[in-house]
Amino acid sequence: MSTRTVTRPGLDEIVSGIEAVVARGLPARESAYAVADLLRNRLPGPDILTPQERAGDPDGYQSVLLHARESFSVVGVVWRPGQFTKIHDHVSWCTFGILSGIEYETLYRDMGDHLAEIGRAANRPGDVSGFAPPGDIHRVENISDEVGISLHVYGADVGRLGSSVRRYYDLPVRAD
């Protein structure tokens, strides 16, 4: 097994903690929750990103790869006010922590011919959560008036994959 590591200074303690969790070989959902517990005590500030990265991109939210190896990745996501994702799910478990802004998340269930909304959450600075497929279909939007920054940990090498997204959903959303 080859090892490929990309990393950024200032992440040593977080990366070491994530490595210890991943080495336990837990099921995906338990890994996400264990990494969430770790991040609650070690969530960095927005300055983990450069000033240029923290400014965001006027054309859409921006993902900044901060650390990657075969078993997990750490990504900074920057959202200008009003920016959002398409409805999507993920290739692996994910844990996220909010550093600034308000990430409004809408959760969905795939009903075959449509999506049904099953929940909403307004995630604020300091909030940390985790999830794992299946059941991770969502859309995220920065609803604050400031640039939003979040730290995401994925149980996959998104540097190699190019994205954490497994698929995008273009189904109608209906109330069930």
N, C-alpha and C. Protein backbone atom coordinates (compact mmCIF):
# COMPACT_ATOMS: atom_id res chain seq x y z
N MET A 1 0.85 -1.18 0.00
CA MET A 1 0.00 0.00 0.00
C MET A 1 0.89 1.24 0.00
N SER A 2 0.69 2.12 -0.97
CA SER A 2 1.50 3.33 -1.03
C SER A 2 0.88 4.40 -0.15
N THR A 3 1.70 5.32 0.30
CA THR A 3 1.24 6.41 1.14
C THR A 3 1.48 7.72 0.42
N ARG A 4 0.46 8.54 0.38
CA ARG A 4 0.56 9.87 -0.23
C ARG A 4 0.01 10.85 0.79
N THR A 5 0.79 11.83 1.14
CA THR A 5 0.34 12.80 2.12
C THR A 5 0.56 14.21 1.61
N VAL A 6 -0.48 15.01 1.71
CA VAL A 6 -0.42 16.44 1.45
C VAL A 6 -0.91 17.07 2.74
N THR A 7 -0.23 18.07 3.26
CA THR A 7 -0.70 18.65 4.51
C THR A 7 -0.35 20.13 4.60
N ARG A 8 -0.94 20.79 5.55
CA ARG A 8 -0.72 22.21 5.79
C ARG A 8 -0.28 22.38 7.24
N PRO A 9 0.65 23.29 7.49
CA PRO A 9 1.07 23.55 8.88
C PRO A 9 -0.12 23.96 9.75
N GLY A 10 -0.06 23.59 11.03
CA GLY A 10 -1.11 23.96 11.97
C GLY A 10 -2.16 22.89 12.18
N LEU A 11 -2.05 21.80 11.45
CA LEU A 11 -3.04 20.72 11.56
C LEU A 11 -2.51 19.50 12.30
N ASP A 12 -1.29 19.54 12.79
CA ASP A 12 -0.64 18.35 13.36
C ASP A 12 -1.50 17.65 14.41
N GLU A 13 -2.01 18.39 15.38
CA GLU A 13 -2.76 17.77 16.47
C GLU A 13 -4.07 17.15 15.96
N ILE A 14 -4.75 17.85 15.07
CA ILE A 14 -5.99 17.32 14.49
C ILE A 14 -5.70 16.07 13.67
N VAL A 15 -4.70 16.15 12.81
CA VAL A 15 -4.36 15.00 11.95
C VAL A 15 -3.96 13.79 12.79
N SER A 16 -3.17 13.99 13.82
CA SER A 16 -2.78 12.87 14.69
C SER A 16 -4.00 12.22 15.34
N GLY A 17 -4.93 13.04 15.78
CA GLY A 17 -6.15 12.52 16.39
C GLY A 17 -7.00 11.75 15.39
N ILE A 18 -7.13 12.28 14.17
CA ILE A 18 -7.91 11.59 13.14
C ILE A 18 -7.24 10.27 12.78
N GLU A 19 -5.91 10.27 12.66
CA GLU A 19 -5.19 9.03 12.37
C GLU A 19 -5.50 7.96 13.41
N ALA A 20 -5.55 8.35 14.68
CA ALA A 20 -5.84 7.39 15.75
C ALA A 20 -7.26 6.84 15.62
N VAL A 21 -8.20 7.70 15.28
CA VAL A 21 -9.58 7.24 15.09
C VAL A 21 -9.66 6.27 13.91
N VAL A 22 -9.09 6.65 12.77
CA VAL A 22 -9.14 5.82 11.57
C VAL A 22 -8.47 4.47 11.82
N ALA A 23 -7.38 4.46 12.57
CA ALA A 23 -6.66 3.21 12.86
C ALA A 23 -7.50 2.22 13.66
N ARG A 24 -8.54 2.70 14.34
CA ARG A 24 -9.41 1.82 15.12
C ARG A 24 -10.30 0.96 14.22
N GLY A 25 -10.45 1.31 12.96
CA GLY A 25 -11.23 0.51 12.03
C GLY A 25 -12.71 0.46 12.35
N LEU A 26 -13.25 1.54 12.86
CA LEU A 26 -14.67 1.59 13.24
C LEU A 26 -15.56 1.61 12.00
N PRO A 27 -16.83 1.23 12.16
CA PRO A 27 -17.78 1.43 11.06
C PRO A 27 -17.87 2.91 10.71
N ALA A 28 -18.30 3.21 9.50
CA ALA A 28 -18.28 4.58 8.97
C ALA A 28 -18.96 5.59 9.89
N ARG A 29 -20.17 5.32 10.32
CA ARG A 29 -20.91 6.28 11.15
C ARG A 29 -20.19 6.51 12.48
N GLU A 30 -19.66 5.45 13.07
CA GLU A 30 -18.92 5.59 14.33
C GLU A 30 -17.64 6.39 14.12
N SER A 31 -16.97 6.21 12.98
CA SER A 31 -15.78 7.02 12.67
C SER A 31 -16.14 8.49 12.59
N ALA A 32 -17.24 8.80 11.89
CA ALA A 32 -17.67 10.20 11.77
C ALA A 32 -17.94 10.81 13.13
N TYR A 33 -18.63 10.07 14.01
CA TYR A 33 -18.94 10.59 15.34
C TYR A 33 -17.68 10.73 16.20
N ALA A 34 -16.75 9.79 16.09
CA ALA A 34 -15.51 9.87 16.87
C ALA A 34 -14.67 11.06 16.43
N VAL A 35 -14.60 11.32 15.11
CA VAL A 35 -13.86 12.48 14.63
C VAL A 35 -14.58 13.77 15.05
N ALA A 36 -15.91 13.75 15.08
CA ALA A 36 -16.66 14.93 15.56
C ALA A 36 -16.30 15.22 17.02
N ASP A 37 -16.24 14.18 17.86
CA ASP A 37 -15.85 14.37 19.25
C ASP A 37 -14.46 14.99 19.35
N LEU A 38 -13.56 14.52 18.50
CA LEU A 38 -12.19 15.06 18.47
C LEU A 38 -12.19 16.54 18.07
N LEU A 39 -12.94 16.88 17.01
CA LEU A 39 -12.94 18.27 16.53
C LEU A 39 -13.56 19.24 17.52
N ARG A 40 -14.52 18.79 18.31
CA ARG A 40 -15.16 19.69 19.27
C ARG A 40 -14.13 20.31 20.22
N ASN A 41 -13.08 19.58 20.50
CA ASN A 41 -12.04 20.08 21.42
C ASN A 41 -10.85 20.71 20.70
N ARG A 42 -10.80 20.59 19.36
CA ARG A 42 -9.61 21.04 18.64
C ARG A 42 -9.94 21.85 17.38
N LEU A 43 -11.14 22.36 17.28
CA LEU A 43 -11.54 23.09 16.07
C LEU A 43 -10.65 24.32 15.91
N PRO A 44 -9.95 24.45 14.77
CA PRO A 44 -9.07 25.61 14.57
C PRO A 44 -9.89 26.86 14.26
N GLY A 45 -9.21 27.98 14.17
CA GLY A 45 -9.86 29.22 13.76
C GLY A 45 -9.80 29.36 12.25
N PRO A 46 -10.49 30.37 11.72
CA PRO A 46 -10.48 30.60 10.28
C PRO A 46 -9.09 30.83 9.70
N ASP A 47 -8.14 31.22 10.57
CA ASP A 47 -6.78 31.50 10.08
C ASP A 47 -6.02 30.24 9.68
N ILE A 48 -6.68 29.06 9.73
CA ILE A 48 -6.08 27.86 9.17
C ILE A 48 -5.97 28.02 7.65
N LEU A 49 -6.77 28.95 7.11
CA LEU A 49 -6.72 29.29 5.68
C LEU A 49 -5.97 30.61 5.51
N THR A 50 -5.39 30.80 4.34
CA THR A 50 -4.71 32.06 4.04
C THR A 50 -5.75 33.18 3.87
N PRO A 51 -5.34 34.44 4.00
CA PRO A 51 -6.30 35.53 3.76
C PRO A 51 -6.97 35.44 2.38
N GLN A 52 -6.22 35.07 1.37
CA GLN A 52 -6.80 34.93 0.03
C GLN A 52 -7.85 33.82 0.00
N GLU A 53 -7.56 32.68 0.63
CA GLU A 53 -8.53 31.58 0.67
C GLU A 53 -9.78 31.98 1.45
N ARG A 54 -9.59 32.72 2.56
CA ARG A 54 -10.74 33.14 3.39
C ARG A 54 -11.65 34.11 2.67
N ALA A 55 -11.18 34.76 1.62
CA ALA A 55 -12.01 35.71 0.87
C ALA A 55 -13.08 34.99 0.05
N GLY A 56 -12.85 33.74 -0.30
CA GLY A 56 -13.80 32.98 -1.09
C GLY A 56 -13.72 33.33 -2.56
N ASP A 57 -14.64 32.76 -3.32
CA ASP A 57 -14.69 32.92 -4.77
C ASP A 57 -16.08 33.43 -5.14
N PRO A 58 -16.16 34.55 -5.85
CA PRO A 58 -17.49 35.09 -6.18
C PRO A 58 -18.31 34.15 -7.08
N ASP A 59 -17.67 33.20 -7.74
CA ASP A 59 -18.38 32.31 -8.66
C ASP A 59 -18.98 31.08 -7.98
N GLY A 60 -18.67 30.82 -6.73
CA GLY A 60 -19.23 29.66 -6.04
C GLY A 60 -18.39 29.29 -4.84
N TYR A 61 -18.95 28.44 -3.98
CA TYR A 61 -18.18 28.04 -2.80
C TYR A 61 -16.90 27.35 -3.23
N GLN A 62 -15.91 27.41 -2.35
CA GLN A 62 -14.56 26.94 -2.67
C GLN A 62 -14.12 25.90 -1.65
N SER A 63 -13.55 24.81 -2.13
CA SER A 63 -12.97 23.79 -1.26
C SER A 63 -11.46 23.87 -1.35
N VAL A 64 -10.81 23.89 -0.18
CA VAL A 64 -9.36 23.99 -0.12
C VAL A 64 -8.83 22.73 0.58
N LEU A 65 -8.09 21.91 -0.16
CA LEU A 65 -7.54 20.69 0.41
C LEU A 65 -6.41 21.06 1.37
N LEU A 66 -6.56 20.69 2.65
CA LEU A 66 -5.58 21.03 3.68
C LEU A 66 -4.71 19.84 4.06
N HIS A 67 -5.26 18.64 3.97
CA HIS A 67 -4.51 17.43 4.29
C HIS A 67 -5.17 16.27 3.56
N ALA A 68 -4.36 15.43 2.95
CA ALA A 68 -4.92 14.24 2.29
C ALA A 68 -3.95 13.08 2.41
N ARG A 69 -4.51 11.95 2.67
CA ARG A 69 -3.82 10.67 2.58
C ARG A 69 -4.85 9.64 2.17
N GLU A 70 -4.45 8.43 1.97
CA GLU A 70 -5.36 7.43 1.43
C GLU A 70 -6.61 7.22 2.28
N SER A 71 -6.51 7.35 3.60
CA SER A 71 -7.62 7.00 4.48
C SER A 71 -8.52 8.17 4.89
N PHE A 72 -8.08 9.40 4.71
CA PHE A 72 -8.92 10.55 5.07
C PHE A 72 -8.35 11.84 4.49
N SER A 73 -9.21 12.86 4.48
CA SER A 73 -8.82 14.19 4.00
C SER A 73 -9.41 15.25 4.91
N VAL A 74 -8.71 16.38 4.99
CA VAL A 74 -9.19 17.54 5.72
C VAL A 74 -9.31 18.67 4.70
N VAL A 75 -10.50 19.28 4.63
CA VAL A 75 -10.79 20.29 3.62
C VAL A 75 -11.40 21.51 4.29
N GLY A 76 -10.93 22.69 3.91
CA GLY A 76 -11.58 23.93 4.32
C GLY A 76 -12.56 24.32 3.23
N VAL A 77 -13.78 24.67 3.62
CA VAL A 77 -14.79 25.09 2.65
C VAL A 77 -15.15 26.54 2.95
N VAL A 78 -15.12 27.37 1.91
CA VAL A 78 -15.37 28.80 2.05
C VAL A 78 -16.60 29.17 1.22
N TRP A 79 -17.54 29.83 1.88
CA TRP A 79 -18.82 30.18 1.27
C TRP A 79 -19.05 31.68 1.42
N ARG A 80 -19.19 32.38 0.36
CA ARG A 80 -19.64 33.77 0.46
C ARG A 80 -21.14 33.76 0.78
N PRO A 81 -21.67 34.88 1.30
CA PRO A 81 -23.10 34.91 1.62
C PRO A 81 -23.96 34.47 0.43
N GLY A 82 -24.91 33.58 0.70
CA GLY A 82 -25.84 33.12 -0.32
C GLY A 82 -25.34 31.97 -1.18
N GLN A 83 -24.08 31.60 -1.08
CA GLN A 83 -23.58 30.49 -1.90
C GLN A 83 -24.07 29.16 -1.32
N PHE A 84 -24.27 28.18 -2.22
CA PHE A 84 -24.84 26.91 -1.81
C PHE A 84 -24.35 25.78 -2.70
N THR A 85 -24.58 24.57 -2.22
CA THR A 85 -24.26 23.36 -3.00
C THR A 85 -25.51 22.92 -3.75
N LYS A 86 -25.31 22.05 -4.71
CA LYS A 86 -26.42 21.30 -5.29
C LYS A 86 -26.78 20.21 -4.28
N ILE A 87 -27.94 19.62 -4.41
CA ILE A 87 -28.30 18.48 -3.56
C ILE A 87 -27.40 17.32 -3.94
N HIS A 88 -26.75 16.72 -2.93
CA HIS A 88 -25.76 15.68 -3.20
C HIS A 88 -25.63 14.73 -2.02
N ASP A 89 -24.88 13.64 -2.25
CA ASP A 89 -24.45 12.77 -1.17
C ASP A 89 -22.94 12.55 -1.30
N HIS A 90 -22.38 11.71 -0.44
CA HIS A 90 -20.92 11.61 -0.35
C HIS A 90 -20.40 10.19 -0.57
N VAL A 91 -19.10 10.12 -0.90
CA VAL A 91 -18.43 8.85 -1.12
C VAL A 91 -18.04 8.16 0.19
N SER A 92 -18.04 8.90 1.29
CA SER A 92 -17.57 8.36 2.56
C SER A 92 -18.21 9.10 3.72
N TRP A 93 -17.85 8.67 4.93
CA TRP A 93 -18.27 9.41 6.12
C TRP A 93 -17.70 10.82 6.06
N CYS A 94 -18.33 11.73 6.80
CA CYS A 94 -17.89 13.12 6.84
C CYS A 94 -18.15 13.69 8.23
N THR A 95 -17.23 14.52 8.67
CA THR A 95 -17.40 15.30 9.88
C THR A 95 -17.13 16.75 9.50
N PHE A 96 -17.92 17.68 10.04
CA PHE A 96 -17.68 19.09 9.74
C PHE A 96 -17.79 19.93 11.00
N GLY A 97 -17.03 21.02 11.02
CA GLY A 97 -17.09 22.00 12.10
C GLY A 97 -17.16 23.39 11.50
N ILE A 98 -18.01 24.23 12.06
CA ILE A 98 -18.22 25.57 11.53
C ILE A 98 -17.25 26.54 12.21
N LEU A 99 -16.49 27.27 11.39
CA LEU A 99 -15.53 28.25 11.90
C LEU A 99 -16.09 29.66 11.85
N SER A 100 -16.90 29.98 10.82
CA SER A 100 -17.55 31.28 10.72
C SER A 100 -18.77 31.16 9.81
N GLY A 101 -19.68 32.11 9.92
CA GLY A 101 -20.88 32.08 9.11
C GLY A 101 -21.91 31.12 9.66
N ILE A 102 -22.99 30.94 8.92
CA ILE A 102 -24.05 30.00 9.29
C ILE A 102 -24.33 29.11 8.09
N GLU A 103 -24.03 27.83 8.24
CA GLU A 103 -24.30 26.86 7.17
C GLU A 103 -25.67 26.25 7.44
N TYR A 104 -26.60 26.54 6.56
CA TYR A 104 -27.95 26.00 6.67
C TYR A 104 -28.03 24.74 5.83
N GLU A 105 -28.33 23.64 6.50
CA GLU A 105 -28.34 22.34 5.85
C GLU A 105 -29.77 21.81 5.76
N THR A 106 -30.14 21.37 4.58
CA THR A 106 -31.43 20.71 4.36
C THR A 106 -31.15 19.26 4.00
N LEU A 107 -31.78 18.34 4.74
CA LEU A 107 -31.59 16.90 4.54
C LEU A 107 -32.76 16.32 3.76
N TYR A 108 -32.46 15.32 2.93
CA TYR A 108 -33.47 14.71 2.07
C TYR A 108 -33.39 13.18 2.14
N ARG A 109 -34.51 12.55 1.77
CA ARG A 109 -34.56 11.10 1.58
C ARG A 109 -34.95 10.85 0.12
N ASP A 110 -34.26 9.92 -0.51
CA ASP A 110 -34.55 9.56 -1.90
C ASP A 110 -35.75 8.61 -1.89
N MET A 111 -36.85 9.05 -2.52
CA MET A 111 -38.08 8.27 -2.57
C MET A 111 -38.23 7.56 -3.92
N GLY A 112 -37.17 7.56 -4.72
CA GLY A 112 -37.19 6.90 -6.02
C GLY A 112 -37.48 7.87 -7.15
N ASP A 113 -38.69 8.44 -7.16
CA ASP A 113 -39.04 9.39 -8.22
C ASP A 113 -38.99 10.84 -7.75
N HIS A 114 -38.70 11.04 -6.45
CA HIS A 114 -38.58 12.40 -5.90
C HIS A 114 -37.79 12.35 -4.59
N LEU A 115 -37.43 13.53 -4.10
CA LEU A 115 -36.79 13.65 -2.80
C LEU A 115 -37.81 14.20 -1.81
N ALA A 116 -37.74 13.74 -0.58
CA ALA A 116 -38.58 14.26 0.49
C ALA A 116 -37.66 14.94 1.51
N GLU A 117 -38.01 16.17 1.90
CA GLU A 117 -37.23 16.87 2.92
C GLU A 117 -37.49 16.21 4.26
N ILE A 118 -36.40 15.89 4.98
CA ILE A 118 -36.56 15.19 6.27
C ILE A 118 -35.97 15.97 7.44
N GLY A 119 -35.32 17.10 7.18
CA GLY A 119 -34.78 17.87 8.29
C GLY A 119 -34.02 19.09 7.83
N ARG A 120 -33.82 19.99 8.78
CA ARG A 120 -33.07 21.22 8.54
C ARG A 120 -32.25 21.55 9.78
N ALA A 121 -31.12 22.20 9.56
CA ALA A 121 -30.28 22.63 10.70
C ALA A 121 -29.52 23.88 10.30
N ALA A 122 -29.47 24.84 11.20
CA ALA A 122 -28.64 26.03 11.02
C ALA A 122 -27.40 25.82 11.88
N ASN A 123 -26.28 25.51 11.24
CA ASN A 123 -25.03 25.22 11.93
C ASN A 123 -24.22 26.50 12.07
N ARG A 124 -23.87 26.83 13.31
CA ARG A 124 -23.20 28.09 13.66
C ARG A 124 -21.76 27.84 14.11
N PRO A 125 -20.96 28.91 14.20
CA PRO A 125 -19.57 28.72 14.64
C PRO A 125 -19.47 27.90 15.93
N GLY A 126 -18.59 26.90 15.89
CA GLY A 126 -18.39 26.00 17.01
C GLY A 126 -19.20 24.72 16.91
N ASP A 127 -20.25 24.71 16.07
CA ASP A 127 -21.03 23.49 15.89
C ASP A 127 -20.21 22.46 15.12
N VAL A 128 -20.31 21.22 15.54
CA VAL A 128 -19.61 20.10 14.91
C VAL A 128 -20.60 18.95 14.78
N SER A 129 -20.55 18.26 13.65
CA SER A 129 -21.43 17.11 13.45
C SER A 129 -20.77 16.15 12.48
N GLY A 130 -21.34 14.95 12.39
CA GLY A 130 -20.82 13.96 11.47
C GLY A 130 -21.95 13.09 10.93
N PHE A 131 -21.71 12.48 9.79
CA PHE A 131 -22.69 11.60 9.16
C PHE A 131 -21.97 10.62 8.26
N ALA A 132 -22.72 9.63 7.78
CA ALA A 132 -22.15 8.63 6.87
C ALA A 132 -23.24 8.13 5.94
N PRO A 133 -22.86 7.77 4.71
CA PRO A 133 -23.83 7.18 3.82
C PRO A 133 -24.24 5.79 4.34
N PRO A 134 -25.41 5.31 4.00
CA PRO A 134 -26.46 6.02 3.26
C PRO A 134 -27.19 6.98 4.17
N GLY A 135 -28.02 7.80 3.59
CA GLY A 135 -28.81 8.75 4.37
C GLY A 135 -28.15 10.11 4.52
N ASP A 136 -27.23 10.43 3.64
CA ASP A 136 -26.49 11.69 3.76
C ASP A 136 -26.81 12.65 2.62
N ILE A 137 -28.00 12.58 2.06
CA ILE A 137 -28.38 13.47 0.96
C ILE A 137 -28.72 14.84 1.55
N HIS A 138 -28.03 15.86 1.07
CA HIS A 138 -28.27 17.19 1.63
C HIS A 138 -27.88 18.30 0.67
N ARG A 139 -28.26 19.51 1.07
CA ARG A 139 -27.89 20.75 0.39
C ARG A 139 -27.47 21.71 1.48
N VAL A 140 -26.40 22.47 1.25
CA VAL A 140 -25.86 23.38 2.26
C VAL A 140 -25.76 24.78 1.66
N GLU A 141 -26.12 25.78 2.47
CA GLU A 141 -26.07 27.18 2.02
C GLU A 141 -25.57 28.06 3.15
N ASN A 142 -24.76 29.07 2.81
CA ASN A 142 -24.34 30.06 3.80
C ASN A 142 -25.43 31.12 3.86
N ILE A 143 -26.19 31.15 4.97
CA ILE A 143 -27.29 32.11 5.10
C ILE A 143 -26.89 33.35 5.90
N SER A 144 -25.62 33.46 6.28
CA SER A 144 -25.19 34.64 7.04
C SER A 144 -24.75 35.76 6.10
N ASP A 145 -24.51 36.92 6.69
CA ASP A 145 -24.04 38.08 5.92
C ASP A 145 -22.52 38.13 5.82
N GLU A 146 -21.85 37.14 6.39
CA GLU A 146 -20.39 37.10 6.35
C GLU A 146 -19.92 35.87 5.58
N VAL A 147 -18.66 35.86 5.23
CA VAL A 147 -18.08 34.68 4.59
C VAL A 147 -18.12 33.54 5.61
N GLY A 148 -18.61 32.41 5.16
CA GLY A 148 -18.66 31.24 6.02
C GLY A 148 -17.46 30.34 5.73
N ILE A 149 -16.91 29.78 6.80
CA ILE A 149 -15.78 28.87 6.66
C ILE A 149 -16.07 27.65 7.52
N SER A 150 -15.88 26.47 6.96
CA SER A 150 -16.05 25.24 7.72
C SER A 150 -14.89 24.29 7.43
N LEU A 151 -14.64 23.44 8.39
CA LEU A 151 -13.60 22.42 8.26
C LEU A 151 -14.31 21.08 8.09
N HIS A 152 -13.99 20.35 7.02
CA HIS A 152 -14.61 19.05 6.74
C HIS A 152 -13.53 17.97 6.77
N VAL A 153 -13.85 16.85 7.36
CA VAL A 153 -12.98 15.68 7.35
C VAL A 153 -13.76 14.57 6.66
N TYR A 154 -13.18 14.00 5.62
CA TYR A 154 -13.80 12.92 4.85
C TYR A 154 -12.99 11.65 5.03
N GLY A 155 -13.68 10.52 5.06
CA GLY A 155 -13.01 9.22 5.18
C GLY A 155 -12.56 8.69 3.84
N ALA A 156 -11.99 9.57 3.02
CA ALA A 156 -11.49 9.20 1.69
C ALA A 156 -10.46 10.24 1.26
N ASP A 157 -9.66 9.90 0.30
CA ASP A 157 -8.65 10.81 -0.25
C ASP A 157 -9.29 11.67 -1.34
N VAL A 158 -9.84 12.81 -0.96
CA VAL A 158 -10.49 13.67 -1.95
C VAL A 158 -9.47 14.35 -2.86
N GLY A 159 -8.22 14.35 -2.48
CA GLY A 159 -7.18 14.84 -3.38
C GLY A 159 -7.05 13.95 -4.60
N ARG A 160 -7.16 12.66 -4.39
CA ARG A 160 -7.10 11.71 -5.49
C ARG A 160 -8.44 11.64 -6.23
N LEU A 161 -9.55 11.65 -5.47
CA LEU A 161 -10.88 11.53 -6.08
C LEU A 161 -11.33 12.81 -6.78
N GLY A 162 -10.83 13.95 -6.31
CA GLY A 162 -11.22 15.24 -6.89
C GLY A 162 -12.40 15.88 -6.18
N SER A 163 -13.18 15.11 -5.43
CA SER A 163 -14.35 15.63 -4.73
C SER A 163 -14.81 14.60 -3.71
N SER A 164 -15.57 15.07 -2.72
CA SER A 164 -16.19 14.17 -1.75
C SER A 164 -17.58 13.74 -2.21
N VAL A 165 -18.07 14.33 -3.29
CA VAL A 165 -19.43 14.07 -3.76
C VAL A 165 -19.49 12.74 -4.50
N ARG A 166 -20.47 11.92 -4.11
CA ARG A 166 -20.71 10.67 -4.83
C ARG A 166 -21.61 10.94 -6.02
N ARG A 167 -22.73 11.65 -5.78
CA ARG A 167 -23.61 12.00 -6.89
C ARG A 167 -24.44 13.23 -6.54
N TYR A 168 -24.92 13.90 -7.58
CA TYR A 168 -25.84 15.02 -7.46
C TYR A 168 -27.24 14.52 -7.78
N TYR A 169 -28.25 15.11 -7.14
CA TYR A 169 -29.63 14.71 -7.33
C TYR A 169 -30.38 15.80 -8.07
N ASP A 170 -31.08 15.41 -9.12
CA ASP A 170 -31.88 16.34 -9.89
C ASP A 170 -33.34 15.86 -9.91
N LEU A 171 -33.80 15.38 -8.77
CA LEU A 171 -35.17 14.92 -8.63
C LEU A 171 -36.02 16.04 -8.03
N PRO A 172 -37.32 16.06 -8.31
CA PRO A 172 -38.18 17.05 -7.68
C PRO A 172 -38.24 16.81 -6.17
N VAL A 173 -38.43 17.87 -5.41
CA VAL A 173 -38.58 17.78 -3.96
C VAL A 173 -40.06 17.95 -3.67
N ARG A 174 -40.63 16.95 -2.97
CA ARG A 174 -42.06 17.00 -2.64
C ARG A 174 -42.23 16.70 -1.16
N ALA A 175 -43.27 17.25 -0.58
CA ALA A 175 -43.62 16.93 0.80
C ALA A 175 -44.30 15.57 0.83
N ASP A 176 -43.91 14.74 1.76
CA ASP A 176 -44.55 13.42 1.88
C ASP A 176 -45.35 13.33 3.16
